[in-house]
Amino acid sequence: MASNYTVPGLDADDAKRIAAVLQDRLNSLIDLTLTLKHIHWNVVGPNFIAVHEMLDPQVDAAREMADAVAERIATLGHVPQGTPGAVVAARTWDDYSLGRASVGQHLAALDKTYTGIITDHRKAIAEFDDLDLVSQDMLIGQSEKLELYQWFVRAHLEDSEGQIPSAAASTEKGAAEAVSD
């Protein structure tokens, strides 16, 4: 249910469209927060502590991004949905499939997760070009951080030739299978 208002200079139909796109971004950021924490708890093997400690700031940043998106939805006069049931019902991707796994396996799978989130953030950024520069700016700032975190992940996966063994995989499970620890 939407409010009877939106931000000045934006009509109600545009606000509804923007809120829907932002809700999808909110779903992905909530999911990312939980996925990162899941990996944090379940990563094992060499370099465990480096990855374990690398993930907590990413969890915090994803949580802050989700909060900013939810507050933007509310600012537009709409109701952000952040309950687990709402996120699961609305998401268009499968649940993260790895449990206890090696550093390489989790990071290869996380690389695919980041690729999906960043790609969809960039689609939303493009959609907001002539629609809402404020929401666009927020997503641009978030994308900068998400891309940096993906680089951190890829730096663990990359070999001395600049290759990532899991790059050709199309799924997180396939990416995890492509790495050898």
N, C-alpha and C. Protein backbone atom coordinates (compact mmCIF):
# COMPACT_ATOMS: atom_id res chain seq x y z
N MET A 1 0.84 -1.18 0.00
CA MET A 1 0.00 0.00 0.00
C MET A 1 0.89 1.25 0.00
N ALA A 2 0.58 2.14 -0.89
CA ALA A 2 1.36 3.37 -1.01
C ALA A 2 0.68 4.50 -0.24
N SER A 3 1.47 5.47 0.10
CA SER A 3 0.94 6.68 0.72
C SER A 3 0.28 7.54 -0.34
N ASN A 4 -0.32 8.61 0.08
CA ASN A 4 -0.96 9.54 -0.85
C ASN A 4 0.00 10.62 -1.30
N TYR A 5 1.28 10.40 -1.15
CA TYR A 5 2.28 11.40 -1.52
C TYR A 5 3.51 10.71 -2.08
N THR A 6 4.32 11.49 -2.75
CA THR A 6 5.66 11.07 -3.12
C THR A 6 6.55 12.30 -3.02
N VAL A 7 7.76 12.22 -3.50
CA VAL A 7 8.66 13.36 -3.40
C VAL A 7 8.24 14.44 -4.40
N PRO A 8 8.49 15.70 -4.09
CA PRO A 8 8.13 16.78 -5.00
C PRO A 8 8.79 16.61 -6.37
N GLY A 9 8.02 16.88 -7.42
CA GLY A 9 8.52 16.82 -8.78
C GLY A 9 8.44 15.44 -9.41
N LEU A 10 7.89 14.48 -8.70
CA LEU A 10 7.78 13.11 -9.21
C LEU A 10 6.32 12.71 -9.17
N ASP A 11 5.81 12.19 -10.27
CA ASP A 11 4.40 11.80 -10.22
C ASP A 11 4.24 10.41 -9.62
N ALA A 12 3.04 10.10 -9.20
CA ALA A 12 2.77 8.87 -8.45
C ALA A 12 3.09 7.61 -9.26
N ASP A 13 2.82 7.62 -10.56
CA ASP A 13 3.12 6.44 -11.38
C ASP A 13 4.62 6.19 -11.48
N ASP A 14 5.39 7.27 -11.65
CA ASP A 14 6.84 7.12 -11.69
C ASP A 14 7.38 6.63 -10.35
N ALA A 15 6.83 7.18 -9.26
CA ALA A 15 7.27 6.75 -7.92
C ALA A 15 6.98 5.27 -7.72
N LYS A 16 5.85 4.81 -8.20
CA LYS A 16 5.49 3.39 -8.08
C LYS A 16 6.49 2.52 -8.85
N ARG A 17 6.83 2.94 -10.05
CA ARG A 17 7.79 2.19 -10.88
C ARG A 17 9.16 2.16 -10.21
N ILE A 18 9.61 3.31 -9.71
CA ILE A 18 10.90 3.40 -9.03
C ILE A 18 10.91 2.52 -7.79
N ALA A 19 9.85 2.59 -7.00
CA ALA A 19 9.77 1.78 -5.78
C ALA A 19 9.83 0.29 -6.10
N ALA A 20 9.21 -0.12 -7.20
CA ALA A 20 9.25 -1.54 -7.58
C ALA A 20 10.67 -1.98 -7.94
N VAL A 21 11.38 -1.15 -8.69
CA VAL A 21 12.77 -1.47 -9.03
C VAL A 21 13.62 -1.50 -7.77
N LEU A 22 13.41 -0.52 -6.90
CA LEU A 22 14.18 -0.48 -5.65
C LEU A 22 13.86 -1.67 -4.75
N GLN A 23 12.60 -2.13 -4.76
CA GLN A 23 12.25 -3.30 -3.95
C GLN A 23 13.05 -4.51 -4.40
N ASP A 24 13.23 -4.66 -5.70
CA ASP A 24 14.05 -5.77 -6.21
C ASP A 24 15.49 -5.63 -5.73
N ARG A 25 16.02 -4.41 -5.74
CA ARG A 25 17.38 -4.17 -5.25
C ARG A 25 17.45 -4.44 -3.75
N LEU A 26 16.40 -4.06 -3.01
CA LEU A 26 16.35 -4.34 -1.57
C LEU A 26 16.37 -5.84 -1.32
N ASN A 27 15.59 -6.58 -2.07
CA ASN A 27 15.57 -8.04 -1.92
C ASN A 27 16.97 -8.62 -2.11
N SER A 28 17.67 -8.15 -3.15
CA SER A 28 18.99 -8.70 -3.42
C SER A 28 20.00 -8.31 -2.33
N LEU A 29 19.88 -7.13 -1.79
CA LEU A 29 20.82 -6.70 -0.74
C LEU A 29 20.57 -7.41 0.58
N ILE A 30 19.31 -7.66 0.91
CA ILE A 30 19.00 -8.45 2.11
C ILE A 30 19.55 -9.86 1.94
N ASP A 31 19.33 -10.43 0.77
CA ASP A 31 19.82 -11.77 0.48
C ASP A 31 21.36 -11.79 0.54
N LEU A 32 22.00 -10.77 -0.03
CA LEU A 32 23.46 -10.70 0.01
C LEU A 32 23.97 -10.65 1.44
N THR A 33 23.32 -9.85 2.28
CA THR A 33 23.73 -9.74 3.69
C THR A 33 23.73 -11.11 4.35
N LEU A 34 22.67 -11.86 4.16
CA LEU A 34 22.55 -13.18 4.77
C LEU A 34 23.53 -14.17 4.15
N THR A 35 23.71 -14.09 2.85
CA THR A 35 24.65 -14.99 2.17
C THR A 35 26.08 -14.75 2.64
N LEU A 36 26.46 -13.49 2.74
CA LEU A 36 27.82 -13.17 3.22
C LEU A 36 28.04 -13.71 4.63
N LYS A 37 27.06 -13.57 5.49
CA LYS A 37 27.21 -14.07 6.86
C LYS A 37 27.27 -15.60 6.86
N HIS A 38 26.46 -16.23 6.01
CA HIS A 38 26.49 -17.69 5.88
C HIS A 38 27.88 -18.16 5.46
N ILE A 39 28.47 -17.49 4.48
CA ILE A 39 29.82 -17.85 4.03
C ILE A 39 30.81 -17.63 5.18
N HIS A 40 30.69 -16.52 5.86
CA HIS A 40 31.55 -16.19 7.01
C HIS A 40 31.57 -17.34 8.02
N TRP A 41 30.42 -17.95 8.26
CA TRP A 41 30.31 -19.03 9.24
C TRP A 41 30.78 -20.38 8.70
N ASN A 42 30.78 -20.56 7.39
CA ASN A 42 30.96 -21.89 6.80
C ASN A 42 32.20 -22.04 5.93
N VAL A 43 33.04 -21.02 5.85
CA VAL A 43 34.25 -21.12 5.05
C VAL A 43 35.33 -21.83 5.87
N VAL A 44 36.10 -22.71 5.21
CA VAL A 44 37.16 -23.47 5.89
C VAL A 44 38.38 -23.55 4.99
N GLY A 45 39.49 -23.91 5.60
CA GLY A 45 40.70 -24.19 4.85
C GLY A 45 41.73 -23.08 4.92
N PRO A 46 42.79 -23.23 4.09
CA PRO A 46 43.84 -22.22 4.07
C PRO A 46 43.25 -20.84 3.77
N ASN A 47 43.79 -19.86 4.39
CA ASN A 47 43.33 -18.47 4.26
C ASN A 47 41.95 -18.24 4.89
N PHE A 48 41.52 -19.19 5.71
CA PHE A 48 40.22 -19.06 6.38
C PHE A 48 40.09 -17.72 7.09
N ILE A 49 41.06 -17.38 7.94
CA ILE A 49 40.91 -16.20 8.78
C ILE A 49 40.87 -14.92 7.94
N ALA A 50 41.65 -14.87 6.88
CA ALA A 50 41.64 -13.69 6.01
C ALA A 50 40.26 -13.49 5.39
N VAL A 51 39.67 -14.55 4.91
CA VAL A 51 38.35 -14.46 4.27
C VAL A 51 37.28 -14.23 5.33
N HIS A 52 37.36 -14.94 6.42
CA HIS A 52 36.40 -14.78 7.52
C HIS A 52 36.34 -13.31 7.95
N GLU A 53 37.50 -12.70 8.12
CA GLU A 53 37.55 -11.30 8.56
C GLU A 53 37.24 -10.31 7.44
N MET A 54 37.47 -10.69 6.20
CA MET A 54 37.15 -9.83 5.06
C MET A 54 35.64 -9.67 4.89
N LEU A 55 34.89 -10.68 5.29
CA LEU A 55 33.46 -10.69 5.01
C LEU A 55 32.63 -9.81 5.94
N ASP A 56 33.03 -9.66 7.20
CA ASP A 56 32.21 -8.86 8.12
C ASP A 56 32.00 -7.42 7.66
N PRO A 57 33.01 -6.71 7.19
CA PRO A 57 32.75 -5.36 6.68
C PRO A 57 31.81 -5.36 5.46
N GLN A 58 31.87 -6.41 4.67
CA GLN A 58 30.97 -6.53 3.53
C GLN A 58 29.53 -6.74 4.00
N VAL A 59 29.37 -7.54 5.05
CA VAL A 59 28.04 -7.74 5.65
C VAL A 59 27.48 -6.41 6.12
N ASP A 60 28.29 -5.66 6.86
CA ASP A 60 27.86 -4.37 7.39
C ASP A 60 27.49 -3.40 6.27
N ALA A 61 28.30 -3.37 5.23
CA ALA A 61 28.03 -2.46 4.11
C ALA A 61 26.75 -2.86 3.37
N ALA A 62 26.56 -4.15 3.14
CA ALA A 62 25.33 -4.61 2.46
C ALA A 62 24.10 -4.28 3.31
N ARG A 63 24.22 -4.42 4.62
CA ARG A 63 23.10 -4.07 5.52
C ARG A 63 22.79 -2.58 5.42
N GLU A 64 23.82 -1.74 5.40
CA GLU A 64 23.62 -0.30 5.26
C GLU A 64 23.01 0.05 3.90
N MET A 65 23.43 -0.64 2.86
CA MET A 65 22.85 -0.41 1.53
C MET A 65 21.37 -0.77 1.54
N ALA A 66 21.04 -1.90 2.14
CA ALA A 66 19.63 -2.32 2.21
C ALA A 66 18.82 -1.27 2.96
N ASP A 67 19.35 -0.76 4.05
CA ASP A 67 18.65 0.26 4.82
C ASP A 67 18.41 1.51 3.99
N ALA A 68 19.41 1.95 3.24
CA ALA A 68 19.26 3.14 2.40
C ALA A 68 18.20 2.93 1.32
N VAL A 69 18.19 1.76 0.71
CA VAL A 69 17.19 1.47 -0.32
C VAL A 69 15.79 1.44 0.29
N ALA A 70 15.65 0.78 1.44
CA ALA A 70 14.34 0.72 2.10
C ALA A 70 13.85 2.12 2.47
N GLU A 71 14.74 2.95 2.96
CA GLU A 71 14.34 4.31 3.32
C GLU A 71 13.99 5.13 2.09
N ARG A 72 14.63 4.88 0.97
CA ARG A 72 14.28 5.59 -0.28
C ARG A 72 12.88 5.16 -0.73
N ILE A 73 12.58 3.87 -0.63
CA ILE A 73 11.24 3.39 -0.98
C ILE A 73 10.19 4.11 -0.13
N ALA A 74 10.45 4.20 1.16
CA ALA A 74 9.52 4.88 2.07
C ALA A 74 9.42 6.37 1.73
N THR A 75 10.53 6.99 1.39
CA THR A 75 10.54 8.40 1.02
C THR A 75 9.67 8.65 -0.21
N LEU A 76 9.65 7.67 -1.11
CA LEU A 76 8.82 7.77 -2.32
C LEU A 76 7.34 7.54 -2.03
N GLY A 77 7.01 7.24 -0.76
CA GLY A 77 5.62 7.03 -0.37
C GLY A 77 5.15 5.59 -0.48
N HIS A 78 6.08 4.68 -0.54
CA HIS A 78 5.75 3.25 -0.65
C HIS A 78 6.25 2.49 0.56
N VAL A 79 5.89 1.24 0.66
CA VAL A 79 6.21 0.43 1.83
C VAL A 79 7.28 -0.59 1.46
N PRO A 80 8.48 -0.46 2.00
CA PRO A 80 9.51 -1.47 1.73
C PRO A 80 9.16 -2.78 2.42
N GLN A 81 9.36 -3.86 1.70
CA GLN A 81 9.09 -5.20 2.23
C GLN A 81 10.42 -5.87 2.55
N GLY A 82 10.67 -6.12 3.84
CA GLY A 82 11.95 -6.70 4.22
C GLY A 82 11.85 -7.97 5.04
N THR A 83 10.66 -8.56 5.10
CA THR A 83 10.53 -9.81 5.86
C THR A 83 11.11 -10.96 5.06
N PRO A 84 11.60 -11.99 5.73
CA PRO A 84 12.17 -13.12 5.00
C PRO A 84 11.20 -13.72 3.97
N GLY A 85 9.95 -13.87 4.37
CA GLY A 85 8.97 -14.44 3.45
C GLY A 85 8.77 -13.60 2.21
N ALA A 86 8.73 -12.29 2.38
CA ALA A 86 8.55 -11.39 1.23
C ALA A 86 9.76 -11.45 0.30
N VAL A 87 10.95 -11.50 0.88
CA VAL A 87 12.16 -11.56 0.06
C VAL A 87 12.20 -12.87 -0.72
N VAL A 88 11.94 -13.98 -0.07
CA VAL A 88 11.97 -15.28 -0.74
C VAL A 88 10.90 -15.36 -1.82
N ALA A 89 9.71 -14.87 -1.53
CA ALA A 89 8.61 -14.93 -2.49
C ALA A 89 8.89 -14.10 -3.74
N ALA A 90 9.60 -12.99 -3.58
CA ALA A 90 9.81 -12.07 -4.69
C ALA A 90 11.10 -12.30 -5.47
N ARG A 91 12.03 -13.01 -4.89
CA ARG A 91 13.33 -13.12 -5.56
C ARG A 91 13.23 -13.99 -6.81
N THR A 92 14.13 -13.70 -7.74
CA THR A 92 14.14 -14.41 -9.02
C THR A 92 15.37 -15.29 -9.16
N TRP A 93 16.09 -15.51 -8.08
CA TRP A 93 17.30 -16.31 -8.11
C TRP A 93 17.18 -17.43 -7.09
N ASP A 94 18.01 -18.45 -7.26
CA ASP A 94 18.02 -19.57 -6.33
C ASP A 94 18.76 -19.21 -5.05
N ASP A 95 18.46 -19.92 -4.00
CA ASP A 95 19.15 -19.74 -2.73
C ASP A 95 20.61 -20.14 -2.89
N TYR A 96 21.48 -19.52 -2.15
CA TYR A 96 22.90 -19.87 -2.14
C TYR A 96 23.01 -21.34 -1.76
N SER A 97 23.76 -22.11 -2.54
CA SER A 97 23.69 -23.56 -2.40
C SER A 97 24.84 -24.22 -1.64
N LEU A 98 25.88 -23.47 -1.31
CA LEU A 98 27.01 -24.10 -0.62
C LEU A 98 26.82 -24.02 0.89
N GLY A 99 27.19 -25.11 1.55
CA GLY A 99 27.23 -25.12 3.01
C GLY A 99 28.68 -24.95 3.43
N ARG A 100 29.16 -25.87 4.24
CA ARG A 100 30.57 -25.85 4.63
C ARG A 100 31.39 -26.16 3.39
N ALA A 101 32.28 -25.24 3.04
CA ALA A 101 33.09 -25.43 1.83
C ALA A 101 34.40 -24.66 1.98
N SER A 102 35.31 -24.95 1.08
CA SER A 102 36.63 -24.33 1.14
C SER A 102 36.58 -22.85 0.77
N VAL A 103 37.65 -22.17 1.10
CA VAL A 103 37.79 -20.75 0.77
C VAL A 103 37.56 -20.54 -0.73
N GLY A 104 38.26 -21.30 -1.55
CA GLY A 104 38.15 -21.14 -2.99
C GLY A 104 36.75 -21.39 -3.51
N GLN A 105 36.11 -22.43 -3.00
CA GLN A 105 34.75 -22.75 -3.46
C GLN A 105 33.78 -21.63 -3.10
N HIS A 106 33.83 -21.18 -1.85
CA HIS A 106 32.92 -20.10 -1.45
C HIS A 106 33.20 -18.82 -2.22
N LEU A 107 34.46 -18.48 -2.40
CA LEU A 107 34.76 -17.23 -3.10
C LEU A 107 34.38 -17.30 -4.57
N ALA A 108 34.54 -18.45 -5.20
CA ALA A 108 34.11 -18.60 -6.59
C ALA A 108 32.59 -18.45 -6.70
N ALA A 109 31.88 -19.03 -5.76
CA ALA A 109 30.42 -18.89 -5.75
C ALA A 109 30.01 -17.46 -5.43
N LEU A 110 30.70 -16.83 -4.49
CA LEU A 110 30.40 -15.45 -4.13
C LEU A 110 30.68 -14.51 -5.30
N ASP A 111 31.70 -14.79 -6.09
CA ASP A 111 31.98 -13.99 -7.28
C ASP A 111 30.75 -13.99 -8.20
N LYS A 112 30.14 -15.13 -8.39
CA LYS A 112 28.93 -15.22 -9.23
C LYS A 112 27.78 -14.45 -8.59
N THR A 113 27.67 -14.52 -7.28
CA THR A 113 26.62 -13.78 -6.57
C THR A 113 26.80 -12.29 -6.79
N TYR A 114 28.01 -11.81 -6.61
CA TYR A 114 28.29 -10.39 -6.83
C TYR A 114 28.01 -9.98 -8.28
N THR A 115 28.37 -10.83 -9.23
CA THR A 115 28.12 -10.52 -10.63
C THR A 115 26.62 -10.28 -10.87
N GLY A 116 25.79 -11.14 -10.31
CA GLY A 116 24.34 -10.99 -10.48
C GLY A 116 23.81 -9.70 -9.87
N ILE A 117 24.25 -9.40 -8.66
CA ILE A 117 23.78 -8.20 -7.97
C ILE A 117 24.26 -6.93 -8.68
N ILE A 118 25.51 -6.90 -9.05
CA ILE A 118 26.06 -5.72 -9.73
C ILE A 118 25.40 -5.53 -11.09
N THR A 119 25.20 -6.59 -11.83
CA THR A 119 24.53 -6.49 -13.13
C THR A 119 23.13 -5.90 -12.98
N ASP A 120 22.39 -6.37 -12.00
CA ASP A 120 21.03 -5.86 -11.79
C ASP A 120 21.03 -4.43 -11.25
N HIS A 121 22.01 -4.09 -10.42
CA HIS A 121 22.15 -2.69 -9.98
C HIS A 121 22.39 -1.79 -11.19
N ARG A 122 23.25 -2.22 -12.10
CA ARG A 122 23.56 -1.42 -13.29
C ARG A 122 22.33 -1.27 -14.19
N LYS A 123 21.50 -2.30 -14.29
CA LYS A 123 20.26 -2.20 -15.07
C LYS A 123 19.34 -1.16 -14.44
N ALA A 124 19.24 -1.17 -13.12
CA ALA A 124 18.41 -0.18 -12.42
C ALA A 124 18.97 1.22 -12.61
N ILE A 125 20.28 1.35 -12.55
CA ILE A 125 20.91 2.66 -12.78
C ILE A 125 20.52 3.19 -14.15
N ALA A 126 20.60 2.35 -15.17
CA ALA A 126 20.24 2.77 -16.53
C ALA A 126 18.75 3.13 -16.62
N GLU A 127 17.91 2.38 -15.95
CA GLU A 127 16.47 2.65 -15.97
C GLU A 127 16.14 3.99 -15.32
N PHE A 128 16.94 4.40 -14.35
CA PHE A 128 16.67 5.64 -13.63
C PHE A 128 17.24 6.88 -14.32
N ASP A 129 17.89 6.71 -15.47
CA ASP A 129 18.51 7.84 -16.19
C ASP A 129 17.61 9.06 -16.29
N ASP A 130 16.42 8.89 -16.78
CA ASP A 130 15.50 10.02 -16.96
C ASP A 130 14.35 9.97 -15.97
N LEU A 131 14.43 9.10 -15.00
CA LEU A 131 13.32 8.88 -14.09
C LEU A 131 13.57 9.43 -12.70
N ASP A 132 14.73 9.08 -12.12
CA ASP A 132 14.99 9.50 -10.74
C ASP A 132 16.49 9.51 -10.48
N LEU A 133 17.08 10.67 -10.59
CA LEU A 133 18.53 10.79 -10.42
C LEU A 133 18.96 10.59 -8.98
N VAL A 134 18.08 10.84 -8.02
CA VAL A 134 18.43 10.64 -6.62
C VAL A 134 18.60 9.14 -6.35
N SER A 135 17.63 8.33 -6.76
CA SER A 135 17.76 6.88 -6.59
C SER A 135 18.92 6.34 -7.40
N GLN A 136 19.11 6.89 -8.59
CA GLN A 136 20.22 6.47 -9.43
C GLN A 136 21.56 6.73 -8.74
N ASP A 137 21.71 7.91 -8.16
CA ASP A 137 22.95 8.25 -7.47
C ASP A 137 23.22 7.30 -6.31
N MET A 138 22.18 6.95 -5.58
CA MET A 138 22.33 6.02 -4.46
C MET A 138 22.85 4.67 -4.98
N LEU A 139 22.26 4.17 -6.07
CA LEU A 139 22.68 2.88 -6.62
C LEU A 139 24.08 2.94 -7.22
N ILE A 140 24.45 4.09 -7.78
CA ILE A 140 25.81 4.24 -8.31
C ILE A 140 26.83 4.11 -7.16
N GLY A 141 26.57 4.80 -6.06
CA GLY A 141 27.46 4.70 -4.91
C GLY A 141 27.55 3.28 -4.37
N GLN A 142 26.41 2.60 -4.32
CA GLN A 142 26.42 1.22 -3.86
C GLN A 142 27.19 0.33 -4.82
N SER A 143 27.02 0.55 -6.11
CA SER A 143 27.72 -0.27 -7.11
C SER A 143 29.22 -0.13 -6.98
N GLU A 144 29.68 1.07 -6.68
CA GLU A 144 31.12 1.27 -6.48
C GLU A 144 31.64 0.35 -5.37
N LYS A 145 30.90 0.29 -4.25
CA LYS A 145 31.32 -0.57 -3.14
C LYS A 145 31.20 -2.05 -3.50
N LEU A 146 30.09 -2.42 -4.15
CA LEU A 146 29.89 -3.82 -4.53
C LEU A 146 30.99 -4.29 -5.48
N GLU A 147 31.35 -3.43 -6.43
CA GLU A 147 32.42 -3.78 -7.38
C GLU A 147 33.76 -3.91 -6.67
N LEU A 148 34.01 -3.07 -5.68
CA LEU A 148 35.24 -3.17 -4.90
C LEU A 148 35.27 -4.50 -4.15
N TYR A 149 34.17 -4.87 -3.52
CA TYR A 149 34.11 -6.13 -2.78
C TYR A 149 34.29 -7.32 -3.71
N GLN A 150 33.73 -7.23 -4.91
CA GLN A 150 33.94 -8.32 -5.86
C GLN A 150 35.41 -8.40 -6.25
N TRP A 151 36.06 -7.28 -6.38
CA TRP A 151 37.49 -7.30 -6.69
C TRP A 151 38.26 -7.99 -5.57
N PHE A 152 37.90 -7.71 -4.30
CA PHE A 152 38.55 -8.39 -3.18
C PHE A 152 38.41 -9.90 -3.33
N VAL A 153 37.21 -10.34 -3.68
CA VAL A 153 36.94 -11.77 -3.86
C VAL A 153 37.78 -12.31 -5.02
N ARG A 154 37.76 -11.61 -6.13
CA ARG A 154 38.49 -12.08 -7.31
C ARG A 154 40.00 -12.10 -7.09
N ALA A 155 40.51 -11.20 -6.26
CA ALA A 155 41.94 -11.19 -5.99
C ALA A 155 42.38 -12.48 -5.31
N HIS A 156 41.49 -13.09 -4.54
CA HIS A 156 41.79 -14.39 -3.92
C HIS A 156 41.76 -15.51 -4.95
N LEU A 157 40.96 -15.36 -5.99
CA LEU A 157 40.77 -16.41 -6.98
C LEU A 157 41.76 -16.35 -8.14
N GLU A 158 42.26 -15.15 -8.40
CA GLU A 158 43.08 -14.90 -9.59
C GLU A 158 44.46 -15.56 -9.48
N ASP A 159 44.90 -16.11 -10.61
CA ASP A 159 46.25 -16.67 -10.63
C ASP A 159 47.24 -15.61 -11.12
N SER A 160 48.50 -15.96 -11.19
CA SER A 160 49.53 -14.98 -11.55
C SER A 160 49.42 -14.51 -13.00
N GLU A 161 48.65 -15.20 -13.80
CA GLU A 161 48.44 -14.81 -15.20
C GLU A 161 47.20 -13.93 -15.36
N GLY A 162 46.53 -13.65 -14.25
CA GLY A 162 45.33 -12.82 -14.31
C GLY A 162 44.07 -13.60 -14.63
N GLN A 163 44.12 -14.90 -14.54
CA GLN A 163 42.98 -15.75 -14.86
C GLN A 163 42.24 -16.16 -13.59
N ILE A 164 40.92 -16.26 -13.71
CA ILE A 164 40.09 -16.76 -12.63
C ILE A 164 39.53 -18.10 -13.09
N PRO A 165 39.91 -19.20 -12.43
CA PRO A 165 39.53 -20.53 -12.90
C PRO A 165 38.01 -20.74 -13.05
N SER A 166 37.25 -20.03 -12.28
CA SER A 166 35.79 -20.22 -12.29
C SER A 166 35.07 -19.23 -13.20
N ALA A 167 35.81 -18.43 -13.95
CA ALA A 167 35.20 -17.35 -14.75
C ALA A 167 34.18 -17.86 -15.75
N ALA A 168 34.41 -19.01 -16.35
CA ALA A 168 33.50 -19.52 -17.38
C ALA A 168 32.23 -20.16 -16.82
N ALA A 169 32.21 -20.43 -15.53
CA ALA A 169 31.05 -21.09 -14.93
C ALA A 169 29.85 -20.15 -14.97
N SER A 170 28.68 -20.73 -15.15
CA SER A 170 27.47 -19.90 -15.23
C SER A 170 26.65 -19.93 -13.94
N THR A 171 27.01 -20.81 -13.03
CA THR A 171 26.29 -20.90 -11.76
C THR A 171 27.29 -20.87 -10.61
N GLU A 172 26.78 -20.58 -9.44
CA GLU A 172 27.67 -20.57 -8.27
C GLU A 172 28.20 -21.97 -7.98
N LYS A 173 27.35 -22.98 -8.16
CA LYS A 173 27.79 -24.36 -7.92
C LYS A 173 28.87 -24.76 -8.94
N GLY A 174 28.67 -24.36 -10.18
CA GLY A 174 29.67 -24.63 -11.21
C GLY A 174 30.97 -23.91 -10.94
N ALA A 175 30.86 -22.68 -10.44
CA ALA A 175 32.05 -21.91 -10.08
C ALA A 175 32.81 -22.60 -8.96
N ALA A 176 32.09 -23.07 -7.95
CA ALA A 176 32.72 -23.76 -6.83
C ALA A 176 33.43 -25.03 -7.29
N GLU A 177 32.83 -25.72 -8.23
CA GLU A 177 33.44 -26.97 -8.75
C GLU A 177 34.67 -26.69 -9.60
N ALA A 178 34.77 -25.49 -10.16
CA ALA A 178 35.86 -25.15 -11.07
C ALA A 178 37.16 -24.80 -10.36
N VAL A 179 37.10 -24.57 -9.06
CA VAL A 179 38.32 -24.20 -8.34
C VAL A 179 38.88 -25.42 -7.61
N SER A 180 40.19 -25.41 -7.47
CA SER A 180 40.82 -26.47 -6.68
C SER A 180 41.61 -25.81 -5.59
N ASP A 181 41.42 -26.28 -4.39
CA ASP A 181 42.14 -25.71 -3.24
C ASP A 181 43.34 -26.56 -2.89
